[in-house]
Amino acid sequence: MSRTYISRHPLEGRIPSEPGIRAVDHLDVPQNVAIATVMAAEGGDAFVTAALAAAGDLSVRFVGPGEWLALSQTDTPEVLCRNLSLLLADAAHIFDQSDGRVLLRLSGPNVRRILAKGVGPDLHPAVFEIGTSSNVLCGHVGINLARVGENDFELIVMRSFAESLFDDLKLMGREYGLSVGFSA
């Protein structure tokens, strides 16, 4: 017997379907992001690092030595994994994480103050520069935190912790009138 499963975003019931007024500090939740883990094969770190840096339309997040998260908002998960496999050949192992991880974007002038309530690293622009990413705890939840703009951060969390992180971020941003919504 075969069953058809309907994929649903884990925050679907928590975010209003109709967008409200967007505040200056905003938590944006993209619904269709392809995410893959890239793990360098033994001795392949330098090649993989260079190849990922040269890949134009990918966003790459450092996870640890020889490990990265690659994100695409234009490709499907299958296309992303196929393109990464062609690009990296036998130098890396690619694993689709699209259904297992959730991306959240936090932006606005108070983003560092909001995040400071839950994360330990120094987020000063001179220390945590644009393009920097790190695995950190946000409250009790492990995330990959990346600075992608002047006042823009992306948080990648495992799907099973998305609701908890979402609730924590809303609470941390309440003082600043943080708005939330799905990407248009």
C-alpha atoms as a PDB file:
ATOM      1  CA  MET A   1       0.000   0.000   0.000  1.00  0.00           C
ATOM      2  CA  SER A   2       1.397   3.394  -0.937  1.00  0.00           C
ATOM      3  CA  ARG A   3       0.674   6.611   0.878  1.00  0.00           C
ATOM      4  CA  THR A   4       0.910  10.164  -0.295  1.00  0.00           C
ATOM      5  CA  TYR A   5       2.400  12.561   2.216  1.00  0.00           C
ATOM      6  CA  ILE A   6       1.853  16.268   2.016  1.00  0.00           C
ATOM      7  CA  SER A   7       4.851  18.279   3.073  1.00  0.00           C
ATOM      8  CA  ARG A   8       3.978  21.048   5.475  1.00  0.00           C
ATOM      9  CA  HIS A   9       6.177  23.692   7.038  1.00  0.00           C
ATOM     10  CA  PRO A  10       6.600  23.113  10.796  1.00  0.00           C
ATOM     11  CA  LEU A  11       5.612  26.723  11.570  1.00  0.00           C
ATOM     12  CA  GLU A  12       2.536  26.731   9.356  1.00  0.00           C
ATOM     13  CA  GLY A  13       0.101  26.838  12.278  1.00  0.00           C
ATOM     14  CA  ARG A  14       2.078  29.474  14.173  1.00  0.00           C
ATOM     15  CA  ILE A  15       2.331  32.195  11.530  1.00  0.00           C
ATOM     16  CA  PRO A  16      -0.762  33.981  10.181  1.00  0.00           C
ATOM     17  CA  SER A  17      -1.429  33.142   6.534  1.00  0.00           C
ATOM     18  CA  GLU A  18      -2.257  36.774   5.804  1.00  0.00           C
ATOM     19  CA  PRO A  19       0.746  39.062   6.232  1.00  0.00           C
ATOM     20  CA  GLY A  20       0.301  41.788   8.796  1.00  0.00           C
ATOM     21  CA  ILE A  21       2.118  45.068   9.143  1.00  0.00           C
ATOM     22  CA  ARG A  22       5.848  44.504   8.865  1.00  0.00           C
ATOM     23  CA  ALA A  23       7.750  46.162  11.720  1.00  0.00           C
ATOM     24  CA  VAL A  24      11.314  47.458  11.384  1.00  0.00           C
ATOM     25  CA  ASP A  25      12.471  44.365  13.297  1.00  0.00           C
ATOM     26  CA  HIS A  26      11.124  41.320  11.487  1.00  0.00           C
ATOM     27  CA  LEU A  27      11.403  37.551  11.605  1.00  0.00           C
ATOM     28  CA  ASP A  28      10.979  36.205   8.078  1.00  0.00           C
ATOM     29  CA  VAL A  29      10.341  32.501   7.454  1.00  0.00           C
ATOM     30  CA  PRO A  30      11.114  31.265   3.920  1.00  0.00           C
ATOM     31  CA  GLN A  31       9.055  28.220   3.014  1.00  0.00           C
ATOM     32  CA  ASN A  32      11.015  26.741   0.112  1.00  0.00           C
ATOM     33  CA  VAL A  33      14.734  26.578   0.747  1.00  0.00           C
ATOM     34  CA  ALA A  34      16.953  23.746  -0.419  1.00  0.00           C
ATOM     35  CA  ILE A  35      19.557  22.899   2.224  1.00  0.00           C
ATOM     36  CA  ALA A  36      22.335  20.327   1.931  1.00  0.00           C
ATOM     37  CA  THR A  37      25.142  19.253   4.219  1.00  0.00           C
ATOM     38  CA  VAL A  38      28.521  19.051   2.503  1.00  0.00           C
ATOM     39  CA  MET A  39      31.189  16.953   4.210  1.00  0.00           C
ATOM     40  CA  ALA A  40      34.669  16.922   2.722  1.00  0.00           C
ATOM     41  CA  ALA A  41      36.221  13.528   2.117  1.00  0.00           C
ATOM     42  CA  GLU A  42      39.555  12.873   3.780  1.00  0.00           C
ATOM     43  CA  GLY A  43      42.116  15.313   2.394  1.00  0.00           C
ATOM     44  CA  GLY A  44      39.516  17.199   0.341  1.00  0.00           C
ATOM     45  CA  ASP A  45      38.999  20.246   2.593  1.00  0.00           C
ATOM     46  CA  ALA A  46      40.970  22.718   0.477  1.00  0.00           C
ATOM     47  CA  PHE A  47      39.356  21.662  -2.797  1.00  0.00           C
ATOM     48  CA  VAL A  48      35.839  21.723  -1.334  1.00  0.00           C
ATOM     49  CA  THR A  49      36.419  25.137   0.288  1.00  0.00           C
ATOM     50  CA  ALA A  50      37.603  26.613  -3.028  1.00  0.00           C
ATOM     51  CA  ALA A  51      34.813  24.979  -5.058  1.00  0.00           C
ATOM     52  CA  LEU A  52      32.069  26.170  -2.707  1.00  0.00           C
ATOM     53  CA  ALA A  53      33.522  29.704  -2.701  1.00  0.00           C
ATOM     54  CA  ALA A  54      33.432  29.715  -6.514  1.00  0.00           C
ATOM     55  CA  ALA A  55      29.838  28.413  -6.716  1.00  0.00           C
ATOM     56  CA  GLY A  56      27.945  31.591  -7.571  1.00  0.00           C
ATOM     57  CA  ASP A  57      24.318  31.174  -6.532  1.00  0.00           C
ATOM     58  CA  LEU A  58      24.857  29.206  -3.317  1.00  0.00           C
ATOM     59  CA  SER A  59      24.865  30.519   0.217  1.00  0.00           C
ATOM     60  CA  VAL A  60      27.421  28.537   2.191  1.00  0.00           C
ATOM     61  CA  ARG A  61      27.538  28.310   5.989  1.00  0.00           C
ATOM     62  CA  PHE A  62      30.529  26.948   7.891  1.00  0.00           C
ATOM     63  CA  VAL A  63      29.501  24.233  10.347  1.00  0.00           C
ATOM     64  CA  GLY A  64      32.825  22.762  11.451  1.00  0.00           C
ATOM     65  CA  PRO A  65      36.115  21.522  10.031  1.00  0.00           C
ATOM     66  CA  GLY A  66      35.334  19.960   6.668  1.00  0.00           C
ATOM     67  CA  GLU A  67      31.578  20.559   6.978  1.00  0.00           C
ATOM     68  CA  TRP A  68      29.282  23.193   5.501  1.00  0.00           C
ATOM     69  CA  LEU A  69      25.599  23.864   4.889  1.00  0.00           C
ATOM     70  CA  ALA A  70      24.786  24.904   1.319  1.00  0.00           C
ATOM     71  CA  LEU A  71      21.531  26.798   0.711  1.00  0.00           C
ATOM     72  CA  SER A  72      19.671  27.611  -2.476  1.00  0.00           C
ATOM     73  CA  GLN A  73      16.432  29.497  -2.836  1.00  0.00           C
ATOM     74  CA  THR A  74      16.215  28.885  -6.574  1.00  0.00           C
ATOM     75  CA  ASP A  75      16.962  25.156  -6.856  1.00  0.00           C
ATOM     76  CA  THR A  76      14.912  22.231  -5.661  1.00  0.00           C
ATOM     77  CA  PRO A  77      16.624  19.962  -3.123  1.00  0.00           C
ATOM     78  CA  GLU A  78      17.236  17.362  -5.829  1.00  0.00           C
ATOM     79  CA  VAL A  79      18.835  19.896  -8.193  1.00  0.00           C
ATOM     80  CA  LEU A  80      20.953  21.359  -5.388  1.00  0.00           C
ATOM     81  CA  CYS A  81      22.328  17.937  -4.415  1.00  0.00           C
ATOM     82  CA  ARG A  82      22.938  16.977  -8.046  1.00  0.00           C
ATOM     83  CA  ASN A  83      24.777  20.251  -8.762  1.00  0.00           C
ATOM     84  CA  LEU A  84      26.883  19.882  -5.617  1.00  0.00           C
ATOM     85  CA  SER A  85      27.724  16.285  -6.550  1.00  0.00           C
ATOM     86  CA  LEU A  86      28.832  17.389 -10.015  1.00  0.00           C
ATOM     87  CA  LEU A  87      30.826  20.307  -8.605  1.00  0.00           C
ATOM     88  CA  LEU A  88      32.578  18.367  -5.861  1.00  0.00           C
ATOM     89  CA  ALA A  89      32.786  14.880  -7.425  1.00  0.00           C
ATOM     90  CA  ASP A  90      34.485  12.480  -4.988  1.00  0.00           C
ATOM     91  CA  ALA A  91      35.937  15.250  -2.805  1.00  0.00           C
ATOM     92  CA  ALA A  92      32.797  15.502  -0.632  1.00  0.00           C
ATOM     93  CA  HIS A  93      29.672  13.728   0.533  1.00  0.00           C
ATOM     94  CA  ILE A  94      26.357  15.532   0.029  1.00  0.00           C
ATOM     95  CA  PHE A  95      23.253  15.001   2.182  1.00  0.00           C
ATOM     96  CA  ASP A  96      19.877  16.647   1.583  1.00  0.00           C
ATOM     97  CA  GLN A  97      18.677  18.460   4.718  1.00  0.00           C
ATOM     98  CA  SER A  98      15.779  20.398   3.182  1.00  0.00           C
ATOM     99  CA  ASP A  99      13.036  18.577   5.075  1.00  0.00           C
ATOM    100  CA  GLY A 100      15.059  18.323   8.275  1.00  0.00           C
ATOM    101  CA  ARG A 101      16.106  21.952   8.763  1.00  0.00           C
ATOM    102  CA  VAL A 102      14.291  25.280   8.891  1.00  0.00           C
ATOM    103  CA  LEU A 103      15.683  28.676   7.921  1.00  0.00           C
ATOM    104  CA  LEU A 104      14.664  31.835   9.813  1.00  0.00           C
ATOM    105  CA  ARG A 105      15.772  35.379   8.877  1.00  0.00           C
ATOM    106  CA  LEU A 106      15.966  38.034  11.553  1.00  0.00           C
ATOM    107  CA  SER A 107      16.436  41.622  10.397  1.00  0.00           C
ATOM    108  CA  GLY A 108      16.186  45.132  11.720  1.00  0.00           C
ATOM    109  CA  PRO A 109      18.069  47.765  13.693  1.00  0.00           C
ATOM    110  CA  ASN A 110      17.647  45.895  17.002  1.00  0.00           C
ATOM    111  CA  VAL A 111      18.602  42.443  15.744  1.00  0.00           C
ATOM    112  CA  ARG A 112      21.796  42.250  17.825  1.00  0.00           C
ATOM    113  CA  ARG A 113      19.928  43.228  20.988  1.00  0.00           C
ATOM    114  CA  ILE A 114      17.277  40.612  20.274  1.00  0.00           C
ATOM    115  CA  LEU A 115      19.830  37.872  19.613  1.00  0.00           C
ATOM    116  CA  ALA A 116      21.953  38.898  22.612  1.00  0.00           C
ATOM    117  CA  LYS A 117      19.115  37.713  24.836  1.00  0.00           C
ATOM    118  CA  GLY A 118      19.660  34.137  23.654  1.00  0.00           C
ATOM    119  CA  VAL A 119      23.109  33.613  22.116  1.00  0.00           C
ATOM    120  CA  GLY A 120      26.566  33.786  23.644  1.00  0.00           C
ATOM    121  CA  PRO A 121      28.897  35.016  20.863  1.00  0.00           C
ATOM    122  CA  ASP A 122      29.803  38.677  20.488  1.00  0.00           C
ATOM    123  CA  LEU A 123      27.705  39.940  17.557  1.00  0.00           C
ATOM    124  CA  HIS A 124      29.467  43.309  17.225  1.00  0.00           C
ATOM    125  CA  PRO A 125      30.020  44.056  13.502  1.00  0.00           C
ATOM    126  CA  ALA A 126      33.805  44.160  13.977  1.00  0.00           C
ATOM    127  CA  VAL A 127      33.799  40.664  15.497  1.00  0.00           C
ATOM    128  CA  PHE A 128      30.930  38.834  13.753  1.00  0.00           C
ATOM    129  CA  GLU A 129      31.414  40.172  10.218  1.00  0.00           C
ATOM    130  CA  ILE A 130      29.097  39.766   7.236  1.00  0.00           C
ATOM    131  CA  GLY A 131      29.607  36.261   5.874  1.00  0.00           C
ATOM    132  CA  THR A 132      30.507  34.802   9.269  1.00  0.00           C
ATOM    133  CA  SER A 133      28.623  31.774  10.524  1.00  0.00           C
ATOM    134  CA  SER A 134      28.909  29.649  13.625  1.00  0.00           C
ATOM    135  CA  ASN A 135      27.147  26.863  15.453  1.00  0.00           C
ATOM    136  CA  VAL A 136      25.756  28.310  18.686  1.00  0.00           C
ATOM    137  CA  LEU A 137      23.074  27.753  21.267  1.00  0.00           C
ATOM    138  CA  CYS A 138      20.082  30.065  21.169  1.00  0.00           C
ATOM    139  CA  GLY A 139      18.589  29.468  24.578  1.00  0.00           C
ATOM    140  CA  HIS A 140      18.596  25.694  24.756  1.00  0.00           C
ATOM    141  CA  VAL A 141      18.449  25.055  20.982  1.00  0.00           C
ATOM    142  CA  GLY A 142      21.465  24.399  18.772  1.00  0.00           C
ATOM    143  CA  ILE A 143      21.464  26.540  15.614  1.00  0.00           C
ATOM    144  CA  ASN A 144      23.754  27.680  12.832  1.00  0.00           C
ATOM    145  CA  LEU A 145      23.860  31.480  13.003  1.00  0.00           C
ATOM    146  CA  ALA A 146      25.069  33.503  10.007  1.00  0.00           C
ATOM    147  CA  ARG A 147      25.378  37.236   9.481  1.00  0.00           C
ATOM    148  CA  VAL A 148      24.226  37.936   5.931  1.00  0.00           C
ATOM    149  CA  GLY A 149      23.837  41.715   5.954  1.00  0.00           C
ATOM    150  CA  GLU A 150      24.401  44.835   8.015  1.00  0.00           C
ATOM    151  CA  ASN A 151      21.410  44.096  10.259  1.00  0.00           C
ATOM    152  CA  ASP A 152      20.447  40.679   8.882  1.00  0.00           C
ATOM    153  CA  PHE A 153      21.027  37.257  10.401  1.00  0.00           C
ATOM    154  CA  GLU A 154      19.940  33.788   9.309  1.00  0.00           C
ATOM    155  CA  LEU A 155      19.318  30.979  11.740  1.00  0.00           C
ATOM    156  CA  ILE A 156      19.177  27.367  10.625  1.00  0.00           C
ATOM    157  CA  VAL A 157      17.601  24.973  13.099  1.00  0.00           C
ATOM    158  CA  MET A 158      16.607  21.322  13.041  1.00  0.00           C
ATOM    159  CA  ARG A 159      12.950  20.931  12.119  1.00  0.00           C
ATOM    160  CA  SER A 160      11.958  19.389  15.454  1.00  0.00           C
ATOM    161  CA  PHE A 161      13.231  22.473  17.336  1.00  0.00           C
ATOM    162  CA  ALA A 162      11.786  25.092  14.953  1.00  0.00           C
ATOM    163  CA  GLU A 163       8.676  25.821  17.030  1.00  0.00           C
ATOM    164  CA  SER A 164      10.656  26.213  20.235  1.00  0.00           C
ATOM    165  CA  LEU A 165      13.187  28.550  18.593  1.00  0.00           C
ATOM    166  CA  PHE A 166      10.389  30.499  16.909  1.00  0.00           C
ATOM    167  CA  ASP A 167       8.612  31.002  20.252  1.00  0.00           C
ATOM    168  CA  ASP A 168      11.885  32.042  21.920  1.00  0.00           C
ATOM    169  CA  LEU A 169      12.676  34.571  19.162  1.00  0.00           C
ATOM    170  CA  LYS A 170       9.182  36.086  19.380  1.00  0.00           C
ATOM    171  CA  LEU A 171       9.591  36.441  23.132  1.00  0.00           C
ATOM    172  CA  MET A 172      13.097  37.913  22.785  1.00  0.00           C
ATOM    173  CA  GLY A 173      11.829  40.424  20.199  1.00  0.00           C
ATOM    174  CA  ARG A 174       8.604  41.403  21.926  1.00  0.00           C
ATOM    175  CA  GLU A 175      10.257  44.450  23.522  1.00  0.00           C
ATOM    176  CA  TYR A 176      11.098  45.753  20.017  1.00  0.00           C
ATOM    177  CA  GLY A 177       7.738  44.985  18.387  1.00  0.00           C
ATOM    178  CA  LEU A 178       9.152  42.105  16.324  1.00  0.00           C
ATOM    179  CA  SER A 179       6.812  41.102  13.511  1.00  0.00           C
ATOM    180  CA  VAL A 180       6.757  37.634  11.924  1.00  0.00           C
ATOM    181  CA  GLY A 181       5.672  36.286   8.582  1.00  0.00           C
ATOM    182  CA  PHE A 182       6.331  33.849   5.780  1.00  0.00           C
ATOM    183  CA  SER A 183       8.409  35.118   2.838  1.00  0.00           C
ATOM    184  CA  ALA A 184       6.395  36.518  -0.032  1.00  0.00           C
END
